């Protein structure tokens, strides 16, 4: 089973939404950087919910896309967890950490993808 980076992003976003993630944003970085094609950015109101969202995303992507993250970083700190799927990088934040790093502003020239959530 092979899915596109956009399909993987949509499945991950839907999984995060099911677990009550906030402010889910998908940034299209194709043509902007060689690092990846998409940043999926989301917030969770507390560390426990952040963990639950990351677990749900990992499970749903594995089941629906047959993909596993290359790495997951930040589990110990639990304020910014990064899931690297190669062409898709998922940033799961606590709100204050997201406000501090402001990735959306950093990549403000890149188009947003309507997720229909």
N, C-alpha and C. Protein backbone atom coordinates (compact mmCIF):
# COMPACT_ATOMS: atom_id res chain seq x y z
N UNK A 1 0.85 -1.17 0.00
CA UNK A 1 0.00 0.00 0.00
C UNK A 1 0.89 1.24 0.00
N UNK A 2 0.67 2.10 -0.95
CA UNK A 2 1.46 3.32 -1.03
C UNK A 2 0.51 4.52 -1.02
N UNK A 3 0.76 5.43 -0.11
CA UNK A 3 -0.05 6.64 -0.02
C UNK A 3 0.83 7.84 -0.29
N UNK A 4 0.21 8.91 -0.75
CA UNK A 4 0.95 10.15 -0.99
C UNK A 4 1.19 10.85 0.35
N UNK A 5 2.15 11.75 0.39
CA UNK A 5 2.35 12.54 1.61
C UNK A 5 1.09 13.31 2.03
N UNK A 6 0.34 13.79 1.05
CA UNK A 6 -0.90 14.52 1.37
C UNK A 6 -1.92 13.58 2.02
N UNK A 7 -2.05 12.36 1.49
CA UNK A 7 -2.98 11.39 2.08
C UNK A 7 -2.57 11.05 3.51
N UNK A 8 -1.28 10.82 3.72
CA UNK A 8 -0.80 10.52 5.06
C UNK A 8 -1.11 11.70 6.00
N UNK A 9 -0.89 12.91 5.52
CA UNK A 9 -1.16 14.10 6.32
C UNK A 9 -2.63 14.19 6.71
N UNK A 10 -3.50 13.90 5.76
CA UNK A 10 -4.95 13.96 6.03
C UNK A 10 -5.38 12.90 7.05
N UNK A 11 -4.83 11.70 6.94
CA UNK A 11 -5.15 10.63 7.88
C UNK A 11 -4.65 11.00 9.28
N UNK A 12 -3.44 11.53 9.35
CA UNK A 12 -2.88 11.96 10.64
C UNK A 12 -3.72 13.09 11.24
N UNK A 13 -4.13 14.04 10.42
CA UNK A 13 -4.94 15.16 10.90
C UNK A 13 -6.29 14.68 11.42
N UNK A 14 -6.92 13.75 10.69
CA UNK A 14 -8.21 13.20 11.13
C UNK A 14 -8.06 12.46 12.45
N UNK A 15 -6.98 11.71 12.61
CA UNK A 15 -6.74 10.99 13.86
C UNK A 15 -6.55 11.98 15.01
N UNK A 16 -5.79 13.04 14.78
CA UNK A 16 -5.59 14.06 15.80
C UNK A 16 -6.90 14.74 16.16
N UNK A 17 -7.71 15.02 15.15
CA UNK A 17 -9.00 15.66 15.37
C UNK A 17 -9.91 14.76 16.21
N UNK A 18 -9.90 13.46 15.92
CA UNK A 18 -10.71 12.51 16.70
C UNK A 18 -10.34 12.53 18.18
N UNK A 19 -9.07 12.77 18.47
CA UNK A 19 -8.59 12.81 19.86
C UNK A 19 -8.65 14.21 20.45
N UNK A 20 -9.33 15.11 19.79
CA UNK A 20 -9.58 16.47 20.30
C UNK A 20 -8.36 17.38 20.28
N UNK A 21 -7.51 17.23 19.25
CA UNK A 21 -6.43 18.20 19.06
C UNK A 21 -7.03 19.54 18.67
N UNK A 22 -6.32 20.61 18.98
CA UNK A 22 -6.77 21.97 18.66
C UNK A 22 -5.92 22.56 17.55
N UNK A 23 -6.50 23.51 16.83
CA UNK A 23 -5.77 24.33 15.85
C UNK A 23 -4.90 23.49 14.91
N UNK A 24 -5.51 22.53 14.25
CA UNK A 24 -4.79 21.66 13.33
C UNK A 24 -4.57 22.40 12.01
N UNK A 25 -3.29 22.51 11.62
CA UNK A 25 -2.91 23.25 10.42
C UNK A 25 -1.98 22.37 9.60
N UNK A 26 -2.23 22.33 8.29
CA UNK A 26 -1.35 21.60 7.37
C UNK A 26 -0.71 22.62 6.43
N UNK A 27 0.62 22.68 6.47
CA UNK A 27 1.37 23.61 5.64
C UNK A 27 2.01 22.83 4.50
N UNK A 28 1.77 23.28 3.27
CA UNK A 28 2.34 22.67 2.07
C UNK A 28 3.71 23.27 1.81
N UNK A 29 4.75 22.46 2.02
CA UNK A 29 6.12 22.93 1.85
C UNK A 29 6.75 22.44 0.56
N UNK A 30 5.96 21.80 -0.31
CA UNK A 30 6.53 21.34 -1.58
C UNK A 30 7.05 22.56 -2.34
N UNK A 31 8.27 22.47 -2.80
CA UNK A 31 8.88 23.59 -3.50
C UNK A 31 9.47 24.64 -2.59
N UNK A 32 9.25 24.53 -1.29
CA UNK A 32 9.77 25.51 -0.33
C UNK A 32 11.06 25.03 0.35
N UNK A 33 11.14 23.70 0.56
CA UNK A 33 12.28 23.12 1.27
C UNK A 33 12.48 21.68 0.82
N UNK A 34 13.70 21.20 0.98
CA UNK A 34 13.99 19.80 0.68
C UNK A 34 13.78 18.90 1.89
N UNK A 35 13.49 19.49 3.04
CA UNK A 35 13.35 18.73 4.28
C UNK A 35 12.15 17.79 4.24
N UNK A 36 11.00 18.30 3.83
CA UNK A 36 9.79 17.49 3.77
C UNK A 36 8.77 18.20 2.88
N UNK A 37 7.65 17.52 2.61
CA UNK A 37 6.59 18.10 1.78
C UNK A 37 5.54 18.83 2.60
N UNK A 38 5.28 18.34 3.82
CA UNK A 38 4.21 18.92 4.65
C UNK A 38 4.62 18.98 6.11
N UNK A 39 4.18 20.06 6.76
CA UNK A 39 4.20 20.17 8.22
C UNK A 39 2.75 20.09 8.67
N UNK A 40 2.46 19.15 9.54
CA UNK A 40 1.16 19.12 10.21
C UNK A 40 1.41 19.62 11.63
N UNK A 41 0.73 20.69 11.99
CA UNK A 41 0.93 21.33 13.29
C UNK A 41 -0.38 21.28 14.06
N UNK A 42 -0.30 20.91 15.32
CA UNK A 42 -1.50 20.82 16.14
C UNK A 42 -1.16 21.10 17.59
N UNK A 43 -2.17 21.36 18.37
CA UNK A 43 -1.99 21.63 19.80
C UNK A 43 -2.87 20.70 20.62
N UNK A 44 -2.43 20.49 21.87
CA UNK A 44 -3.20 19.75 22.86
C UNK A 44 -3.16 20.54 24.16
N UNK A 45 -4.23 20.52 24.90
CA UNK A 45 -4.35 21.38 26.08
C UNK A 45 -3.50 20.95 27.26
N UNK A 46 -3.03 19.69 27.26
CA UNK A 46 -2.20 19.23 28.39
C UNK A 46 -1.30 18.08 27.93
N UNK A 47 -0.25 17.78 28.71
CA UNK A 47 0.70 16.74 28.30
C UNK A 47 0.08 15.36 28.10
N UNK A 48 -0.87 14.98 28.92
CA UNK A 48 -1.50 13.67 28.79
C UNK A 48 -2.26 13.57 27.46
N UNK A 49 -2.99 14.63 27.10
CA UNK A 49 -3.70 14.64 25.83
C UNK A 49 -2.71 14.64 24.66
N UNK A 50 -1.61 15.36 24.81
CA UNK A 50 -0.58 15.38 23.78
C UNK A 50 -0.09 13.96 23.49
N UNK A 51 0.21 13.21 24.55
CA UNK A 51 0.63 11.81 24.39
C UNK A 51 -0.44 10.97 23.70
N UNK A 52 -1.69 11.15 24.11
CA UNK A 52 -2.79 10.37 23.53
C UNK A 52 -2.97 10.67 22.05
N UNK A 53 -2.83 11.94 21.67
CA UNK A 53 -2.95 12.33 20.27
C UNK A 53 -1.83 11.70 19.45
N UNK A 54 -0.60 11.78 19.94
CA UNK A 54 0.54 11.21 19.22
C UNK A 54 0.35 9.70 19.05
N UNK A 55 -0.10 9.02 20.10
CA UNK A 55 -0.36 7.58 20.01
C UNK A 55 -1.43 7.26 18.95
N UNK A 56 -2.49 8.06 18.94
CA UNK A 56 -3.58 7.84 17.97
C UNK A 56 -3.11 8.08 16.54
N UNK A 57 -2.36 9.14 16.34
CA UNK A 57 -1.83 9.44 15.00
C UNK A 57 -0.93 8.29 14.55
N UNK A 58 -0.03 7.86 15.43
CA UNK A 58 0.89 6.77 15.07
C UNK A 58 0.12 5.51 14.68
N UNK A 59 -0.90 5.17 15.46
CA UNK A 59 -1.69 3.96 15.19
C UNK A 59 -2.48 4.08 13.88
N UNK A 60 -3.17 5.20 13.69
CA UNK A 60 -4.02 5.36 12.50
C UNK A 60 -3.18 5.41 11.22
N UNK A 61 -2.02 6.05 11.27
CA UNK A 61 -1.15 6.11 10.10
C UNK A 61 -0.60 4.71 9.81
N UNK A 62 -0.24 3.97 10.85
CA UNK A 62 0.27 2.61 10.65
C UNK A 62 -0.81 1.72 10.02
N UNK A 63 -2.03 1.79 10.53
CA UNK A 63 -3.12 0.96 10.03
C UNK A 63 -3.53 1.35 8.62
N UNK A 64 -3.70 2.64 8.37
CA UNK A 64 -4.25 3.11 7.09
C UNK A 64 -3.21 3.34 6.00
N UNK A 65 -1.97 3.57 6.39
CA UNK A 65 -0.93 3.89 5.41
C UNK A 65 0.22 2.89 5.40
N UNK A 66 0.23 1.99 6.36
CA UNK A 66 1.32 1.04 6.52
C UNK A 66 2.66 1.77 6.63
N UNK A 67 2.65 2.86 7.38
CA UNK A 67 3.85 3.68 7.59
C UNK A 67 4.10 3.81 9.08
N UNK A 68 5.37 3.82 9.44
CA UNK A 68 5.79 4.07 10.81
C UNK A 68 6.72 5.28 10.80
N UNK A 69 6.69 6.07 11.87
CA UNK A 69 7.58 7.24 11.88
C UNK A 69 9.05 6.82 11.87
N UNK A 70 9.86 7.60 11.18
CA UNK A 70 11.31 7.38 11.21
C UNK A 70 11.84 7.66 12.61
N UNK A 71 11.23 8.64 13.27
CA UNK A 71 11.58 8.95 14.66
C UNK A 71 10.45 9.73 15.30
N UNK A 72 10.42 9.65 16.62
CA UNK A 72 9.53 10.48 17.44
C UNK A 72 10.41 11.10 18.50
N UNK A 73 10.41 12.42 18.56
CA UNK A 73 11.26 13.14 19.50
C UNK A 73 10.41 14.00 20.42
N UNK A 74 10.88 14.19 21.64
CA UNK A 74 10.22 15.09 22.58
C UNK A 74 9.25 14.42 23.53
N UNK A 75 9.17 13.11 23.51
CA UNK A 75 8.23 12.40 24.39
C UNK A 75 8.52 12.69 25.86
N UNK A 76 9.78 12.81 26.22
CA UNK A 76 10.13 13.03 27.63
C UNK A 76 9.71 14.43 28.10
N UNK A 77 9.94 15.44 27.26
CA UNK A 77 9.61 16.81 27.65
C UNK A 77 8.11 17.05 27.62
N UNK A 78 7.42 16.43 26.67
CA UNK A 78 5.96 16.51 26.53
C UNK A 78 5.43 17.94 26.42
N UNK A 79 6.15 18.77 25.68
CA UNK A 79 5.61 20.08 25.35
C UNK A 79 5.65 20.30 23.84
N UNK A 80 6.51 19.55 23.16
CA UNK A 80 6.59 19.57 21.70
C UNK A 80 7.06 18.19 21.27
N UNK A 81 6.17 17.43 20.69
CA UNK A 81 6.52 16.10 20.19
C UNK A 81 6.56 16.17 18.67
N UNK A 82 7.67 15.74 18.11
CA UNK A 82 7.86 15.76 16.67
C UNK A 82 7.83 14.32 16.15
N UNK A 83 6.97 14.07 15.17
CA UNK A 83 6.88 12.77 14.51
C UNK A 83 7.37 12.94 13.08
N UNK A 84 8.43 12.24 12.74
CA UNK A 84 9.05 12.38 11.41
C UNK A 84 8.68 11.19 10.55
N UNK A 85 7.87 11.45 9.53
CA UNK A 85 7.50 10.42 8.55
C UNK A 85 8.24 10.64 7.23
N UNK A 86 9.32 11.37 7.25
CA UNK A 86 10.08 11.64 6.04
C UNK A 86 9.47 12.80 5.27
N UNK A 87 8.51 12.52 4.43
CA UNK A 87 7.88 13.58 3.63
C UNK A 87 6.87 14.40 4.42
N UNK A 88 6.48 13.91 5.59
CA UNK A 88 5.55 14.61 6.47
C UNK A 88 6.16 14.67 7.87
N UNK A 89 6.20 15.87 8.43
CA UNK A 89 6.67 16.05 9.80
C UNK A 89 5.50 16.62 10.60
N UNK A 90 5.18 15.93 11.69
CA UNK A 90 4.07 16.33 12.54
C UNK A 90 4.62 16.96 13.81
N UNK A 91 4.14 18.17 14.10
CA UNK A 91 4.54 18.91 15.28
C UNK A 91 3.33 18.99 16.21
N UNK A 92 3.40 18.31 17.34
CA UNK A 92 2.32 18.33 18.33
C UNK A 92 2.81 19.14 19.53
N UNK A 93 2.11 20.22 19.82
CA UNK A 93 2.56 21.19 20.82
C UNK A 93 1.57 21.35 21.96
N UNK A 94 2.08 21.76 23.11
CA UNK A 94 1.24 22.43 24.10
C UNK A 94 1.10 23.87 23.61
N UNK A 95 -0.01 24.54 23.90
CA UNK A 95 -0.25 25.88 23.33
C UNK A 95 0.87 26.89 23.60
N UNK A 96 1.42 26.92 24.81
CA UNK A 96 2.45 27.93 25.11
C UNK A 96 3.74 27.66 24.32
N UNK A 97 4.05 26.39 24.08
CA UNK A 97 5.24 26.05 23.29
C UNK A 97 5.01 26.43 21.83
N UNK A 98 3.81 26.15 21.33
CA UNK A 98 3.48 26.52 19.95
C UNK A 98 3.55 28.03 19.77
N UNK A 99 3.04 28.76 20.75
CA UNK A 99 3.09 30.23 20.67
C UNK A 99 4.53 30.73 20.66
N UNK A 100 5.40 30.07 21.40
CA UNK A 100 6.80 30.48 21.47
C UNK A 100 7.53 30.27 20.14
N UNK A 101 7.34 29.09 19.52
CA UNK A 101 8.09 28.77 18.30
C UNK A 101 7.43 29.30 17.03
N UNK A 102 6.13 29.46 17.03
CA UNK A 102 5.38 30.07 15.91
C UNK A 102 5.81 29.56 14.53
N UNK A 103 5.75 28.25 14.34
CA UNK A 103 6.15 27.67 13.05
C UNK A 103 5.30 28.19 11.90
N UNK A 104 4.03 28.45 12.15
CA UNK A 104 3.17 28.97 11.09
C UNK A 104 3.69 30.31 10.57
N UNK A 105 4.19 31.14 11.46
CA UNK A 105 4.73 32.44 11.03
C UNK A 105 6.05 32.25 10.30
N UNK A 106 6.87 31.32 10.79
CA UNK A 106 8.16 31.03 10.16
C UNK A 106 7.97 30.60 8.71
N UNK A 107 6.93 29.80 8.46
CA UNK A 107 6.63 29.31 7.10
C UNK A 107 5.41 30.04 6.52
N UNK A 108 5.28 31.31 6.86
CA UNK A 108 4.11 32.09 6.46
C UNK A 108 3.89 32.23 4.97
N UNK A 109 4.94 32.06 4.17
CA UNK A 109 4.79 32.17 2.72
C UNK A 109 4.26 30.90 2.09
N UNK A 110 4.29 29.81 2.82
CA UNK A 110 3.84 28.52 2.29
C UNK A 110 2.31 28.42 2.39
N UNK A 111 1.68 27.80 1.39
CA UNK A 111 0.22 27.70 1.42
C UNK A 111 -0.27 26.70 2.46
N UNK A 112 -1.45 27.00 2.99
CA UNK A 112 -2.12 26.08 3.90
C UNK A 112 -3.04 25.17 3.10
N UNK A 113 -3.20 23.94 3.57
CA UNK A 113 -4.10 22.97 2.93
C UNK A 113 -5.37 22.92 3.75
N UNK A 114 -6.51 23.04 3.08
CA UNK A 114 -7.80 22.92 3.76
C UNK A 114 -8.05 21.47 4.11
N UNK A 115 -8.13 21.16 5.40
CA UNK A 115 -8.32 19.79 5.84
C UNK A 115 -9.80 19.43 5.99
N UNK A 116 -10.66 20.42 5.95
CA UNK A 116 -12.08 20.16 6.06
C UNK A 116 -12.49 19.57 7.39
N UNK A 117 -11.77 19.88 8.46
CA UNK A 117 -12.08 19.33 9.78
C UNK A 117 -13.05 20.23 10.51
